[in-house]
PDB file of N, CA and C in Angstrom:
ATOM      1  N   MET A   1       0.836  -1.176   0.000  1.00  0.00           N
ATOM      2  CA  MET A   1       0.000   0.000   0.000  1.00  0.00           C
ATOM      3  C   MET A   1       0.883   1.242   0.000  1.00  0.00           C
ATOM      4  N   LYS A   2       0.525   2.209  -0.799  1.00  0.00           N
ATOM      5  CA  LYS A   2       1.300   3.432  -0.925  1.00  0.00           C
ATOM      6  C   LYS A   2       1.083   4.336   0.283  1.00  0.00           C
ATOM      7  N   LYS A   3       2.151   4.954   0.752  1.00  0.00           N
ATOM      8  CA  LYS A   3       2.066   5.854   1.891  1.00  0.00           C
ATOM      9  C   LYS A   3       1.340   7.138   1.482  1.00  0.00           C
ATOM     10  N   LYS A   4       0.451   7.607   2.317  1.00  0.00           N
ATOM     11  CA  LYS A   4      -0.318   8.808   2.047  1.00  0.00           C
ATOM     12  C   LYS A   4       0.579  10.043   2.150  1.00  0.00           C
ATOM     13  N   ILE A   5       0.451  10.935   1.197  1.00  0.00           N
ATOM     14  CA  ILE A   5       1.244  12.159   1.179  1.00  0.00           C
ATOM     15  C   ILE A   5       0.526  13.224   2.008  1.00  0.00           C
ATOM     16  N   ASN A   6       1.221  13.805   2.969  1.00  0.00           N
ATOM     17  CA  ASN A   6       0.647  14.850   3.797  1.00  0.00           C
ATOM     18  C   ASN A   6       1.063  16.201   3.226  1.00  0.00           C
ATOM     19  N   LEU A   7       0.145  16.867   2.568  1.00  0.00           N
ATOM     20  CA  LEU A   7       0.454  18.125   1.902  1.00  0.00           C
ATOM     21  C   LEU A   7       0.611  19.282   2.876  1.00  0.00           C
ATOM     22  N   THR A   8       0.051  19.167   4.074  1.00  0.00           N
ATOM     23  CA  THR A   8       0.151  20.266   5.028  1.00  0.00           C
ATOM     24  C   THR A   8       1.574  20.443   5.541  1.00  0.00           C
ATOM     25  N   GLU A   9       2.408  19.409   5.401  1.00  0.00           N
ATOM     26  CA  GLU A   9       3.787  19.489   5.876  1.00  0.00           C
ATOM     27  C   GLU A   9       4.756  19.942   4.796  1.00  0.00           C
ATOM     28  N   LYS A  10       4.278  20.116   3.573  1.00  0.00           N
ATOM     29  CA  LYS A  10       5.135  20.501   2.451  1.00  0.00           C
ATOM     30  C   LYS A  10       5.336  22.019   2.428  1.00  0.00           C
ATOM     31  N   GLU A  11       6.495  22.415   1.926  1.00  0.00           N
ATOM     32  CA  GLU A  11       6.802  23.827   1.735  1.00  0.00           C
ATOM     33  C   GLU A  11       6.073  24.315   0.471  1.00  0.00           C
ATOM     34  N   PRO A  12       5.820  25.621   0.343  1.00  0.00           N
ATOM     35  CA  PRO A  12       5.147  26.139  -0.848  1.00  0.00           C
ATOM     36  C   PRO A  12       5.873  25.805  -2.153  1.00  0.00           C
ATOM     37  N   ALA A  13       7.194  25.828  -2.136  1.00  0.00           N
ATOM     38  CA  ALA A  13       7.959  25.491  -3.343  1.00  0.00           C
ATOM     39  C   ALA A  13       7.771  24.020  -3.709  1.00  0.00           C
ATOM     40  N   GLU A  14       7.706  23.171  -2.697  1.00  0.00           N
ATOM     41  CA  GLU A  14       7.481  21.749  -2.952  1.00  0.00           C
ATOM     42  C   GLU A  14       6.099  21.503  -3.547  1.00  0.00           C
ATOM     43  N   LEU A  15       5.101  22.243  -3.041  1.00  0.00           N
ATOM     44  CA  LEU A  15       3.743  22.112  -3.579  1.00  0.00           C
ATOM     45  C   LEU A  15       3.686  22.554  -5.038  1.00  0.00           C
ATOM     46  N   THR A  16       4.371  23.642  -5.356  1.00  0.00           N
ATOM     47  CA  THR A  16       4.389  24.139  -6.731  1.00  0.00           C
ATOM     48  C   THR A  16       5.066  23.129  -7.650  1.00  0.00           C
ATOM     49  N   LYS A  17       6.165  22.560  -7.203  1.00  0.00           N
ATOM     50  CA  LYS A  17       6.870  21.553  -7.997  1.00  0.00           C
ATOM     51  C   LYS A  17       6.005  20.306  -8.177  1.00  0.00           C
ATOM     52  N   MET A  18       5.354  19.884  -7.115  1.00  0.00           N
ATOM     53  CA  MET A  18       4.486  18.712  -7.173  1.00  0.00           C
ATOM     54  C   MET A  18       3.317  18.945  -8.128  1.00  0.00           C
ATOM     55  N   LEU A  19       2.762  20.154  -8.118  1.00  0.00           N
ATOM     56  CA  LEU A  19       1.664  20.501  -9.016  1.00  0.00           C
ATOM     57  C   LEU A  19       2.115  20.451 -10.471  1.00  0.00           C
ATOM     58  N   ALA A  20       3.271  21.013 -10.756  1.00  0.00           N
ATOM     59  CA  ALA A  20       3.784  21.009 -12.129  1.00  0.00           C
ATOM     60  C   ALA A  20       4.043  19.586 -12.614  1.00  0.00           C
ATOM     61  N   GLU A  21       4.624  18.761 -11.754  1.00  0.00           N
ATOM     62  CA  GLU A  21       4.897  17.371 -12.129  1.00  0.00           C
ATOM     63  C   GLU A  21       3.610  16.592 -12.363  1.00  0.00           C
ATOM     64  N   SER A  22       2.627  16.800 -11.504  1.00  0.00           N
ATOM     65  CA  SER A  22       1.358  16.091 -11.643  1.00  0.00           C
ATOM     66  C   SER A  22       0.628  16.505 -12.910  1.00  0.00           C
ATOM     67  N   ARG A  23       0.654  17.790 -13.206  1.00  0.00           N
ATOM     68  CA  ARG A  23      -0.004  18.278 -14.430  1.00  0.00           C
ATOM     69  C   ARG A  23       0.689  17.740 -15.680  1.00  0.00           C
ATOM     70  N   GLU A  24       2.018  17.677 -15.658  1.00  0.00           N
ATOM     71  CA  GLU A  24       2.758  17.144 -16.799  1.00  0.00           C
ATOM     72  C   GLU A  24       2.464  15.660 -16.985  1.00  0.00           C
ATOM     73  N   GLU A  25       2.425  14.925 -15.893  1.00  0.00           N
ATOM     74  CA  GLU A  25       2.114  13.499 -15.965  1.00  0.00           C
ATOM     75  C   GLU A  25       0.683  13.279 -16.472  1.00  0.00           C
ATOM     76  N   LEU A  26      -0.234  14.119 -16.027  1.00  0.00           N
ATOM     77  CA  LEU A  26      -1.621  14.042 -16.486  1.00  0.00           C
ATOM     78  C   LEU A  26      -1.709  14.315 -17.985  1.00  0.00           C
ATOM     79  N   ARG A  27      -0.987  15.333 -18.443  1.00  0.00           N
ATOM     80  CA  ARG A  27      -0.985  15.669 -19.869  1.00  0.00           C
ATOM     81  C   ARG A  27      -0.403  14.520 -20.695  1.00  0.00           C
ATOM     82  N   ALA A  28       0.699  13.971 -20.233  1.00  0.00           N
ATOM     83  CA  ALA A  28       1.331  12.874 -20.956  1.00  0.00           C
ATOM     84  C   ALA A  28       0.425  11.639 -21.002  1.00  0.00           C
ATOM     85  N   THR A  29      -0.255  11.369 -19.907  1.00  0.00           N
ATOM     86  CA  THR A  29      -1.163  10.221 -19.847  1.00  0.00           C
ATOM     87  C   THR A  29      -2.340  10.409 -20.786  1.00  0.00           C
ATOM     88  N   ARG A  30      -2.854  11.630 -20.855  1.00  0.00           N
ATOM     89  CA  ARG A  30      -3.974  11.895 -21.757  1.00  0.00           C
ATOM     90  C   ARG A  30      -3.586  11.673 -23.210  1.00  0.00           C
ATOM     91  N   PHE A  31      -2.436  12.162 -23.610  1.00  0.00           N
ATOM     92  CA  PHE A  31      -2.002  11.990 -24.994  1.00  0.00           C
ATOM     93  C   PHE A  31      -1.658  10.538 -25.297  1.00  0.00           C
ATOM     94  N   ALA A  32      -1.100   9.831 -24.332  1.00  0.00           N
ATOM     95  CA  ALA A  32      -0.799   8.421 -24.531  1.00  0.00           C
ATOM     96  C   ALA A  32      -2.089   7.609 -24.663  1.00  0.00           C
ATOM     97  N   ALA A  33      -3.102   7.988 -23.902  1.00  0.00           N
ATOM     98  CA  ALA A  33      -4.375   7.264 -23.940  1.00  0.00           C
ATOM     99  C   ALA A  33      -5.110   7.526 -25.240  1.00  0.00           C
ATOM    100  N   ALA A  34      -4.861   8.660 -25.879  1.00  0.00           N
ATOM    101  CA  ALA A  34      -5.540   8.985 -27.134  1.00  0.00           C
ATOM    102  C   ALA A  34      -5.049   8.084 -28.258  1.00  0.00           C
ATOM    103  N   GLY A  35      -3.802   7.662 -28.200  1.00  0.00           N
ATOM    104  CA  GLY A  35      -3.228   6.846 -29.260  1.00  0.00           C
ATOM    105  C   GLY A  35      -3.434   5.361 -29.070  1.00  0.00           C
ATOM    106  N   ALA A  36      -3.474   4.913 -27.846  1.00  0.00           N
ATOM    107  CA  ALA A  36      -3.589   3.475 -27.575  1.00  0.00           C
ATOM    108  C   ALA A  36      -4.235   3.278 -26.211  1.00  0.00           C
ATOM    109  N   ARG A  37      -4.494   2.046 -25.910  1.00  0.00           N
ATOM    110  CA  ARG A  37      -5.075   1.732 -24.610  1.00  0.00           C
ATOM    111  C   ARG A  37      -4.073   1.987 -23.484  1.00  0.00           C
ATOM    112  N   ALA A  38      -4.565   2.575 -22.430  1.00  0.00           N
ATOM    113  CA  ALA A  38      -3.709   2.828 -21.270  1.00  0.00           C
ATOM    114  C   ALA A  38      -3.501   1.536 -20.492  1.00  0.00           C
ATOM    115  N   LYS A  39      -2.321   1.367 -19.937  1.00  0.00           N
ATOM    116  CA  LYS A  39      -2.033   0.180 -19.140  1.00  0.00           C
ATOM    117  C   LYS A  39      -2.819   0.211 -17.836  1.00  0.00           C
ATOM    118  N   ASP A  40      -2.853   1.365 -17.223  1.00  0.00           N
ATOM    119  CA  ASP A  40      -3.589   1.526 -15.965  1.00  0.00           C
ATOM    120  C   ASP A  40      -4.643   2.603 -16.168  1.00  0.00           C
ATOM    121  N   SER A  41      -5.885   2.196 -16.259  1.00  0.00           N
ATOM    122  CA  SER A  41      -6.951   3.140 -16.572  1.00  0.00           C
ATOM    123  C   SER A  41      -7.252   4.099 -15.423  1.00  0.00           C
ATOM    124  N   SER A  42      -6.801   3.803 -14.219  1.00  0.00           N
ATOM    125  CA  SER A  42      -7.072   4.678 -13.083  1.00  0.00           C
ATOM    126  C   SER A  42      -6.033   5.783 -12.931  1.00  0.00           C
ATOM    127  N   THR A  43      -5.018   5.802 -13.780  1.00  0.00           N
ATOM    128  CA  THR A  43      -3.954   6.801 -13.679  1.00  0.00           C
ATOM    129  C   THR A  43      -4.496   8.217 -13.858  1.00  0.00           C
ATOM    130  N   LEU A  44      -5.399   8.409 -14.817  1.00  0.00           N
ATOM    131  CA  LEU A  44      -5.966   9.738 -15.031  1.00  0.00           C
ATOM    132  C   LEU A  44      -6.686  10.241 -13.787  1.00  0.00           C
ATOM    133  N   LYS A  45      -7.491   9.390 -13.194  1.00  0.00           N
ATOM    134  CA  LYS A  45      -8.240   9.772 -12.003  1.00  0.00           C
ATOM    135  C   LYS A  45      -7.299  10.118 -10.852  1.00  0.00           C
ATOM    136  N   LYS A  46      -6.260   9.312 -10.666  1.00  0.00           N
ATOM    137  CA  LYS A  46      -5.304   9.552  -9.586  1.00  0.00           C
ATOM    138  C   LYS A  46      -4.565  10.872  -9.784  1.00  0.00           C
ATOM    139  N   ASN A  47      -4.166  11.162 -11.032  1.00  0.00           N
ATOM    140  CA  ASN A  47      -3.455  12.415 -11.314  1.00  0.00           C
ATOM    141  C   ASN A  47      -4.361  13.624 -11.114  1.00  0.00           C
ATOM    142  N   ARG A  48      -5.602  13.527 -11.556  1.00  0.00           N
ATOM    143  CA  ARG A  48      -6.543  14.634 -11.350  1.00  0.00           C
ATOM    144  C   ARG A  48      -6.772  14.880  -9.863  1.00  0.00           C
ATOM    145  N   ALA A  49      -6.869  13.817  -9.090  1.00  0.00           N
ATOM    146  CA  ALA A  49      -7.067  13.951  -7.646  1.00  0.00           C
ATOM    147  C   ALA A  49      -5.860  14.602  -6.979  1.00  0.00           C
ATOM    148  N   THR A  50      -4.669  14.243  -7.412  1.00  0.00           N
ATOM    149  CA  THR A  50      -3.451  14.841  -6.853  1.00  0.00           C
ATOM    150  C   THR A  50      -3.402  16.332  -7.155  1.00  0.00           C
ATOM    151  N   VAL A  51      -3.712  16.698  -8.403  1.00  0.00           N
ATOM    152  CA  VAL A  51      -3.734  18.113  -8.785  1.00  0.00           C
ATOM    153  C   VAL A  51      -4.753  18.862  -7.928  1.00  0.00           C
ATOM    154  N   ALA A  52      -5.928  18.285  -7.743  1.00  0.00           N
ATOM    155  CA  ALA A  52      -6.963  18.933  -6.939  1.00  0.00           C
ATOM    156  C   ALA A  52      -6.531  19.099  -5.486  1.00  0.00           C
ATOM    157  N   ARG A  53      -5.875  18.091  -4.934  1.00  0.00           N
ATOM    158  CA  ARG A  53      -5.413  18.188  -3.536  1.00  0.00           C
ATOM    159  C   ARG A  53      -4.380  19.297  -3.361  1.00  0.00           C
ATOM    160  N   VAL A  54      -3.448  19.378  -4.299  1.00  0.00           N
ATOM    161  CA  VAL A  54      -2.406  20.404  -4.211  1.00  0.00           C
ATOM    162  C   VAL A  54      -3.024  21.793  -4.353  1.00  0.00           C
ATOM    163  N   LEU A  55      -3.917  21.971  -5.318  1.00  0.00           N
ATOM    164  CA  LEU A  55      -4.563  23.273  -5.508  1.00  0.00           C
ATOM    165  C   LEU A  55      -5.406  23.655  -4.288  1.00  0.00           C
ATOM    166  N   THR A  56      -6.056  22.686  -3.670  1.00  0.00           N
ATOM    167  CA  THR A  56      -6.844  22.948  -2.466  1.00  0.00           C
ATOM    168  C   THR A  56      -5.953  23.420  -1.332  1.00  0.00           C
ATOM    169  N   GLU A  57      -4.821  22.763  -1.147  1.00  0.00           N
ATOM    170  CA  GLU A  57      -3.895  23.154  -0.078  1.00  0.00           C
ATOM    171  C   GLU A  57      -3.318  24.548  -0.339  1.00  0.00           C
ATOM    172  N   GLN A  58      -2.964  24.831  -1.584  1.00  0.00           N
ATOM    173  CA  GLN A  58      -2.441  26.163  -1.904  1.00  0.00           C
ATOM    174  C   GLN A  58      -3.508  27.235  -1.668  1.00  0.00           C
ATOM    175  N   GLY A  59      -4.733  26.966  -2.038  1.00  0.00           N
ATOM    176  CA  GLY A  59      -5.819  27.915  -1.812  1.00  0.00           C
ATOM    177  C   GLY A  59      -6.095  28.128  -0.339  1.00  0.00           C
ATOM    178  N   ARG A  60      -6.023  27.059   0.419  1.00  0.00           N
ATOM    179  CA  ARG A  60      -6.241  27.158   1.865  1.00  0.00           C
ATOM    180  C   ARG A  60      -5.172  28.029   2.510  1.00  0.00           C
ATOM    181  N   ARG A  61      -3.942  27.857   2.077  1.00  0.00           N
ATOM    182  CA  ARG A  61      -2.853  28.677   2.618  1.00  0.00           C
ATOM    183  C   ARG A  61      -2.990  30.135   2.199  1.00  0.00           C
ATOM    184  N   THR A  62      -3.409  30.367   0.972  1.00  0.00           N
ATOM    185  CA  THR A  62      -3.596  31.733   0.486  1.00  0.00           C
ATOM    186  C   THR A  62      -4.701  32.433   1.277  1.00  0.00           C
ATOM    187  N   ARG A  63      -5.824  31.746   1.473  1.00  0.00           N
ATOM    188  CA  ARG A  63      -6.925  32.331   2.246  1.00  0.00           C
ATOM    189  C   ARG A  63      -6.512  32.608   3.678  1.00  0.00           C
ATOM    190  N   ALA A  64      -5.717  31.716   4.263  1.00  0.00           N
ATOM    191  CA  ALA A  64      -5.249  31.914   5.636  1.00  0.00           C
ATOM    192  C   ALA A  64      -4.323  33.128   5.722  1.00  0.00           C
ATOM    193  N   ALA A  65      -3.503  33.329   4.695  1.00  0.00           N
ATOM    194  CA  ALA A  65      -2.590  34.476   4.693  1.00  0.00           C
ATOM    195  C   ALA A  65      -3.359  35.785   4.538  1.00  0.00           C
ATOM    196  N   ILE A  66      -4.394  35.767   3.718  1.00  0.00           N
ATOM    197  CA  ILE A  66      -5.181  36.984   3.488  1.00  0.00           C
ATOM    198  C   ILE A  66      -5.970  37.367   4.732  1.00  0.00           C
ATOM    199  N   THR A  67      -6.587  36.394   5.363  1.00  0.00           N
ATOM    200  CA  THR A  67      -7.416  36.678   6.528  1.00  0.00           C
ATOM    201  C   THR A  67      -6.607  36.808   7.813  1.00  0.00           C
ATOM    202  N   GLY A  68      -5.365  36.349   7.792  1.00  0.00           N
ATOM    203  CA  GLY A  68      -4.515  36.461   8.966  1.00  0.00           C
ATOM    204  C   GLY A  68      -4.739  35.351   9.982  1.00  0.00           C
ATOM    205  N   THR A  69      -5.480  34.324   9.596  1.00  0.00           N
ATOM    206  CA  THR A  69      -5.713  33.213  10.514  1.00  0.00           C
ATOM    207  C   THR A  69      -4.627  32.163  10.306  1.00  0.00           C
ATOM    208  N   PRO A  70      -4.265  31.477  11.353  1.00  0.00           N
ATOM    209  CA  PRO A  70      -3.230  30.442  11.198  1.00  0.00           C
ATOM    210  C   PRO A  70      -3.763  29.245  10.420  1.00  0.00           C
ATOM    211  N   VAL A  71      -2.871  28.581   9.738  1.00  0.00           N
ATOM    212  CA  VAL A  71      -3.227  27.384   8.984  1.00  0.00           C
ATOM    213  C   VAL A  71      -3.284  26.234   9.975  1.00  0.00           C
ATOM    214  N   THR A  72      -4.431  25.594  10.058  1.00  0.00           N
ATOM    215  CA  THR A  72      -4.577  24.471  10.956  1.00  0.00           C
ATOM    216  C   THR A  72      -4.723  23.195  10.145  1.00  0.00           C
ATOM    217  N   THR A  73      -4.286  22.115  10.709  1.00  0.00           N
ATOM    218  CA  THR A  73      -4.421  20.830  10.024  1.00  0.00           C
ATOM    219  C   THR A  73      -5.765  20.237  10.355  1.00  0.00           C
ATOM    220  N   VAL A  74      -6.364  19.590   9.374  1.00  0.00           N
ATOM    221  CA  VAL A  74      -7.659  18.956   9.552  1.00  0.00           C
ATOM    222  C   VAL A  74      -7.417  17.481   9.779  1.00  0.00           C
ATOM    223  N   THR A  75      -7.940  16.965  10.843  1.00  0.00           N
ATOM    224  CA  THR A  75      -7.815  15.532  11.113  1.00  0.00           C
ATOM    225  C   THR A  75      -9.159  14.877  10.910  1.00  0.00           C
ATOM    226  N   SER A  76      -9.129  13.711  10.303  1.00  0.00           N
ATOM    227  CA  SER A  76     -10.389  13.017  10.074  1.00  0.00           C
ATOM    228  C   SER A  76     -10.385  11.649  10.676  1.00  0.00           C
TER     229      SER A  76
END
């Protein structure tokens, strides 16, 4: 089982790098899937989810900076 990535512990530069890598991988997977069958059909969904998680964390940090409230971690 893959270890869960905790985005709240990442630095802003790491989040930006992770977002760029995920978007590039998503783009490459989409073009590869257009030409032939994908080996792992869930790759697109996983990449989209990663991009969404990173963008959510960046937005949460931006809103916290604007409002002046501290960034708190959400536990579930």
